[in-house]
PDB file of N, CA and C in Angstrom:
ATOM      1  N   MET A   1      99.863 152.213  63.537  1.00  0.00           N
ATOM      2  CA  MET A   1      99.395 153.502  64.015  1.00  0.00           C
ATOM      3  C   MET A   1      99.844 153.759  65.461  1.00  0.00           C
ATOM      4  N   ALA A   2     100.589 152.876  66.030  1.00  0.00           N
ATOM      5  CA  ALA A   2     101.032 153.027  67.411  1.00  0.00           C
ATOM      6  C   ALA A   2     101.983 154.211  67.552  1.00  0.00           C
ATOM      7  N   GLY A   3     101.655 155.138  68.454  1.00  0.00           N
ATOM      8  CA  GLY A   3     102.528 156.263  68.720  1.00  0.00           C
ATOM      9  C   GLY A   3     102.433 157.405  67.736  1.00  0.00           C
ATOM     10  N   GLU A   4     101.523 157.346  66.769  1.00  0.00           N
ATOM     11  CA  GLU A   4     101.386 158.403  65.780  1.00  0.00           C
ATOM     12  C   GLU A   4     100.322 159.406  66.225  1.00  0.00           C
ATOM     13  N   ASP A   5     100.457 160.640  65.766  1.00  0.00           N
ATOM     14  CA  ASP A   5      99.455 161.667  66.038  1.00  0.00           C
ATOM     15  C   ASP A   5      98.217 161.403  65.181  1.00  0.00           C
ATOM     16  N   VAL A   6      97.052 161.763  65.726  1.00  0.00           N
ATOM     17  CA  VAL A   6      95.808 161.632  64.980  1.00  0.00           C
ATOM     18  C   VAL A   6      95.245 163.033  64.806  1.00  0.00           C
ATOM     19  N   ASN A   7      95.107 163.461  63.555  1.00  0.00           N
ATOM     20  CA  ASN A   7      94.609 164.793  63.247  1.00  0.00           C
ATOM     21  C   ASN A   7      93.233 164.673  62.607  1.00  0.00           C
ATOM     22  N   ILE A   8      92.238 165.333  63.210  1.00  0.00           N
ATOM     23  CA  ILE A   8      90.889 165.366  62.650  1.00  0.00           C
ATOM     24  C   ILE A   8      90.663 166.802  62.181  1.00  0.00           C
ATOM     25  N   VAL A   9      90.608 166.973  60.863  1.00  0.00           N
ATOM     26  CA  VAL A   9      90.517 168.311  60.271  1.00  0.00           C
ATOM     27  C   VAL A   9      89.270 169.025  60.788  1.00  0.00           C
ATOM     28  N   GLY A  10      89.448 170.256  61.229  1.00  0.00           N
ATOM     29  CA  GLY A  10      88.345 171.061  61.742  1.00  0.00           C
ATOM     30  C   GLY A  10      88.012 170.786  63.196  1.00  0.00           C
ATOM     31  N   PHE A  11      88.643 169.784  63.807  1.00  0.00           N
ATOM     32  CA  PHE A  11      88.360 169.442  65.201  1.00  0.00           C
ATOM     33  C   PHE A  11      89.591 169.603  66.076  1.00  0.00           C
ATOM     34  N   GLY A  12      90.671 168.900  65.746  1.00  0.00           N
ATOM     35  CA  GLY A  12      91.882 169.030  66.541  1.00  0.00           C
ATOM     36  C   GLY A  12      92.825 167.874  66.332  1.00  0.00           C
ATOM     37  N   LYS A  13      93.841 167.817  67.197  1.00  0.00           N
ATOM     38  CA  LYS A  13      94.916 166.832  67.065  1.00  0.00           C
ATOM     39  C   LYS A  13      95.126 166.122  68.395  1.00  0.00           C
ATOM     40  N   PHE A  14      95.154 164.777  68.346  1.00  0.00           N
ATOM     41  CA  PHE A  14      95.447 163.962  69.515  1.00  0.00           C
ATOM     42  C   PHE A  14      96.887 163.480  69.408  1.00  0.00           C
ATOM     43  N   CYS A  15      97.636 163.594  70.505  1.00  0.00           N
ATOM     44  CA  CYS A  15      99.043 163.204  70.516  1.00  0.00           C
ATOM     45  C   CYS A  15      99.345 162.406  71.784  1.00  0.00           C
ATOM     46  N   LEU A  16     100.305 161.492  71.686  1.00  0.00           N
ATOM     47  CA  LEU A  16     100.832 160.808  72.859  1.00  0.00           C
ATOM     48  C   LEU A  16     102.081 161.541  73.305  1.00  0.00           C
ATOM     49  N   ARG A  17     102.219 161.700  74.627  1.00  0.00           N
ATOM     50  CA  ARG A  17     103.365 162.412  75.169  1.00  0.00           C
ATOM     51  C   ARG A  17     103.916 161.616  76.346  1.00  0.00           C
ATOM     52  N   ASP A  18     105.220 161.549  76.462  1.00  0.00           N
ATOM     53  CA  ASP A  18     105.865 160.856  77.576  1.00  0.00           C
ATOM     54  C   ASP A  18     106.104 161.847  78.709  1.00  0.00           C
ATOM     55  N   LYS A  19     105.682 161.455  79.918  1.00  0.00           N
ATOM     56  CA  LYS A  19     105.947 162.270  81.100  1.00  0.00           C
ATOM     57  C   LYS A  19     107.019 161.571  81.926  1.00  0.00           C
ATOM     58  N   LYS A  20     107.947 162.333  82.455  1.00  0.00           N
ATOM     59  CA  LYS A  20     109.049 161.785  83.240  1.00  0.00           C
ATOM     60  C   LYS A  20     108.590 161.433  84.655  1.00  0.00           C
ATOM     61  N   GLU A  21     109.396 160.604  85.297  1.00  0.00           N
ATOM     62  CA  GLU A  21     109.161 160.273  86.692  1.00  0.00           C
ATOM     63  C   GLU A  21     109.391 161.526  87.537  1.00  0.00           C
ATOM     64  N   ARG A  22     108.553 161.696  88.582  1.00  0.00           N
ATOM     65  CA  ARG A  22     108.713 162.886  89.424  1.00  0.00           C
ATOM     66  C   ARG A  22     108.238 162.583  90.835  1.00  0.00           C
ATOM     67  N   VAL A  23     108.489 163.522  91.728  1.00  0.00           N
ATOM     68  CA  VAL A  23     108.092 163.385  93.124  1.00  0.00           C
ATOM     69  C   VAL A  23     106.785 164.144  93.324  1.00  0.00           C
ATOM     70  N   GLY A  24     105.804 163.462  93.918  1.00  0.00           N
ATOM     71  CA  GLY A  24     104.527 164.093  94.247  1.00  0.00           C
ATOM     72  C   GLY A  24     104.411 164.241  95.751  1.00  0.00           C
ATOM     73  N   ARG A  25     103.389 164.982  96.182  1.00  0.00           N
ATOM     74  CA  ARG A  25     103.198 165.206  97.611  1.00  0.00           C
ATOM     75  C   ARG A  25     101.710 165.132  97.934  1.00  0.00           C
ATOM     76  N   ASN A  26     101.396 164.391  98.984  1.00  0.00           N
ATOM     77  CA  ASN A  26     100.024 164.331  99.477  1.00  0.00           C
ATOM     78  C   ASN A  26      99.721 165.671 100.144  1.00  0.00           C
ATOM     79  N   PRO A  27      98.749 166.433  99.633  1.00  0.00           N
ATOM     80  CA  PRO A  27      98.503 167.767 100.199  1.00  0.00           C
ATOM     81  C   PRO A  27      97.974 167.739 101.635  1.00  0.00           C
ATOM     82  N   LYS A  28      97.349 166.649 102.015  1.00  0.00           N
ATOM     83  CA  LYS A  28      96.795 166.564 103.366  1.00  0.00           C
ATOM     84  C   LYS A  28      97.868 166.261 104.407  1.00  0.00           C
ATOM     85  N   THR A  29      98.770 165.317 104.092  1.00  0.00           N
ATOM     86  CA  THR A  29      99.781 164.899 105.063  1.00  0.00           C
ATOM     87  C   THR A  29     101.166 165.465 104.786  1.00  0.00           C
ATOM     88  N   GLY A  30     101.400 165.910 103.558  1.00  0.00           N
ATOM     89  CA  GLY A  30     102.719 166.411 103.189  1.00  0.00           C
ATOM     90  C   GLY A  30     103.708 165.307 102.848  1.00  0.00           C
ATOM     91  N   GLN A  31     103.270 164.057 102.893  1.00  0.00           N
ATOM     92  CA  GLN A  31     104.146 162.923 102.605  1.00  0.00           C
ATOM     93  C   GLN A  31     104.483 162.876 101.122  1.00  0.00           C
ATOM     94  N   GLU A  32     105.763 162.691 100.814  1.00  0.00           N
ATOM     95  CA  GLU A  32     106.212 162.617  99.425  1.00  0.00           C
ATOM     96  C   GLU A  32     106.141 161.181  98.924  1.00  0.00           C
ATOM     97  N   PHE A  33     105.887 161.038  97.613  1.00  0.00           N
ATOM     98  CA  PHE A  33     105.874 159.733  96.981  1.00  0.00           C
ATOM     99  C   PHE A  33     106.302 159.888  95.532  1.00  0.00           C
ATOM    100  N   LYS A  34     106.688 158.762  94.919  1.00  0.00           N
ATOM    101  CA  LYS A  34     107.190 158.778  93.553  1.00  0.00           C
ATOM    102  C   LYS A  34     106.037 158.562  92.576  1.00  0.00           C
ATOM    103  N   ILE A  35     105.929 159.416  91.566  1.00  0.00           N
ATOM    104  CA  ILE A  35     104.982 159.246  90.477  1.00  0.00           C
ATOM    105  C   ILE A  35     105.780 158.678  89.308  1.00  0.00           C
ATOM    106  N   THR A  36     105.409 157.496  88.859  1.00  0.00           N
ATOM    107  CA  THR A  36     106.178 156.815  87.817  1.00  0.00           C
ATOM    108  C   THR A  36     106.006 157.500  86.461  1.00  0.00           C
ATOM    109  N   SER A  37     106.956 157.250  85.568  1.00  0.00           N
ATOM    110  CA  SER A  37     106.861 157.800  84.219  1.00  0.00           C
ATOM    111  C   SER A  37     105.728 157.098  83.492  1.00  0.00           C
ATOM    112  N   ARG A  38     105.100 157.804  82.554  1.00  0.00           N
ATOM    113  CA  ARG A  38     103.969 157.243  81.834  1.00  0.00           C
ATOM    114  C   ARG A  38     103.723 157.998  80.547  1.00  0.00           C
ATOM    115  N   ARG A  39     102.854 157.459  79.719  1.00  0.00           N
ATOM    116  CA  ARG A  39     102.448 158.118  78.484  1.00  0.00           C
ATOM    117  C   ARG A  39     101.044 158.677  78.702  1.00  0.00           C
ATOM    118  N   VAL A  40     100.822 159.900  78.240  1.00  0.00           N
ATOM    119  CA  VAL A  40      99.510 160.527  78.384  1.00  0.00           C
ATOM    120  C   VAL A  40      99.013 160.977  77.019  1.00  0.00           C
ATOM    121  N   LEU A  41      97.708 161.039  76.885  1.00  0.00           N
ATOM    122  CA  LEU A  41      97.074 161.502  75.662  1.00  0.00           C
ATOM    123  C   LEU A  41      96.784 162.990  75.814  1.00  0.00           C
ATOM    124  N   THR A  42      97.195 163.794  74.849  1.00  0.00           N
ATOM    125  CA  THR A  42      96.921 165.228  74.868  1.00  0.00           C
ATOM    126  C   THR A  42      96.077 165.587  73.665  1.00  0.00           C
ATOM    127  N   PHE A  43      95.348 166.676  73.777  1.00  0.00           N
ATOM    128  CA  PHE A  43      94.487 167.148  72.696  1.00  0.00           C
ATOM    129  C   PHE A  43      94.748 168.623  72.473  1.00  0.00           C
ATOM    130  N   LYS A  44      94.935 169.001  71.226  1.00  0.00           N
ATOM    131  CA  LYS A  44      95.099 170.399  70.859  1.00  0.00           C
ATOM    132  C   LYS A  44      93.973 170.741  69.885  1.00  0.00           C
ATOM    133  N   PRO A  45      93.032 171.601  70.299  1.00  0.00           N
ATOM    134  CA  PRO A  45      91.913 171.929  69.420  1.00  0.00           C
ATOM    135  C   PRO A  45      92.366 172.749  68.216  1.00  0.00           C
ATOM    136  N   SER A  46      91.616 172.599  67.114  1.00  0.00           N
ATOM    137  CA  SER A  46      91.930 173.362  65.909  1.00  0.00           C
ATOM    138  C   SER A  46      91.477 174.807  66.084  1.00  0.00           C
ATOM    139  N   LYS A  47      91.961 175.656  65.218  1.00  0.00           N
ATOM    140  CA  LYS A  47      91.585 177.064  65.240  1.00  0.00           C
ATOM    141  C   LYS A  47      90.075 177.213  65.047  1.00  0.00           C
ATOM    142  N   ASN A  48      89.502 176.410  64.146  1.00  0.00           N
ATOM    143  CA  ASN A  48      88.056 176.467  63.893  1.00  0.00           C
ATOM    144  C   ASN A  48      87.254 176.107  65.133  1.00  0.00           C
ATOM    145  N   LEU A  49      87.648 175.048  65.839  1.00  0.00           N
ATOM    146  CA  LEU A  49      86.936 174.637  67.047  1.00  0.00           C
ATOM    147  C   LEU A  49      87.039 175.712  68.122  1.00  0.00           C
ATOM    148  N   LYS A  50      88.211 176.317  68.285  1.00  0.00           N
ATOM    149  CA  LYS A  50      88.372 177.384  69.267  1.00  0.00           C
ATOM    150  C   LYS A  50      87.444 178.547  68.973  1.00  0.00           C
ATOM    151  N   GLU A  51      87.338 178.930  67.699  1.00  0.00           N
ATOM    152  CA  GLU A  51      86.464 180.038  67.307  1.00  0.00           C
ATOM    153  C   GLU A  51      84.999 179.719  67.597  1.00  0.00           C
ATOM    154  N   ILE A  52      84.577 178.498  67.299  1.00  0.00           N
ATOM    155  CA  ILE A  52      83.190 178.103  67.550  1.00  0.00           C
ATOM    156  C   ILE A  52      82.871 178.153  69.033  1.00  0.00           C
ATOM    157  N   VAL A  53      83.754 177.619  69.854  1.00  0.00           N
ATOM    158  CA  VAL A  53      83.525 177.567  71.310  1.00  0.00           C
ATOM    159  C   VAL A  53      83.543 178.970  71.905  1.00  0.00           C
ATOM    160  N   ASN A  54      84.454 179.815  71.491  1.00  0.00           N
ATOM    161  CA  ASN A  54      84.607 181.142  72.091  1.00  0.00           C
ATOM    162  C   ASN A  54      83.577 182.155  71.607  1.00  0.00           C
ATOM    163  N   ASN A  55      82.931 181.909  70.488  1.00  0.00           N
ATOM    164  CA  ASN A  55      81.964 182.878  69.952  1.00  0.00           C
ATOM    165  C   ASN A  55      80.516 182.549  70.340  1.00  0.00           C
ATOM    166  N   LYS A  56      80.298 181.516  71.124  1.00  0.00           N
ATOM    167  CA  LYS A  56      78.921 181.173  71.504  1.00  0.00           C
ATOM    168  C   LYS A  56      78.641 181.498  72.929  1.00  0.00           C
TER     169      LYS A  56
END
């Protein structure tokens, strides 16, 4: 199950996504630094869940 999407019917879908390496900046000092590449977990809600949340 490593790296596969997980779909829960009526709730939503969990996915792994790769983010590239990029340059970040400290907002207080303006100093730049490198943000390493990594994998992040994303969630996309189902249409049913969106309707429930938005209608209450």
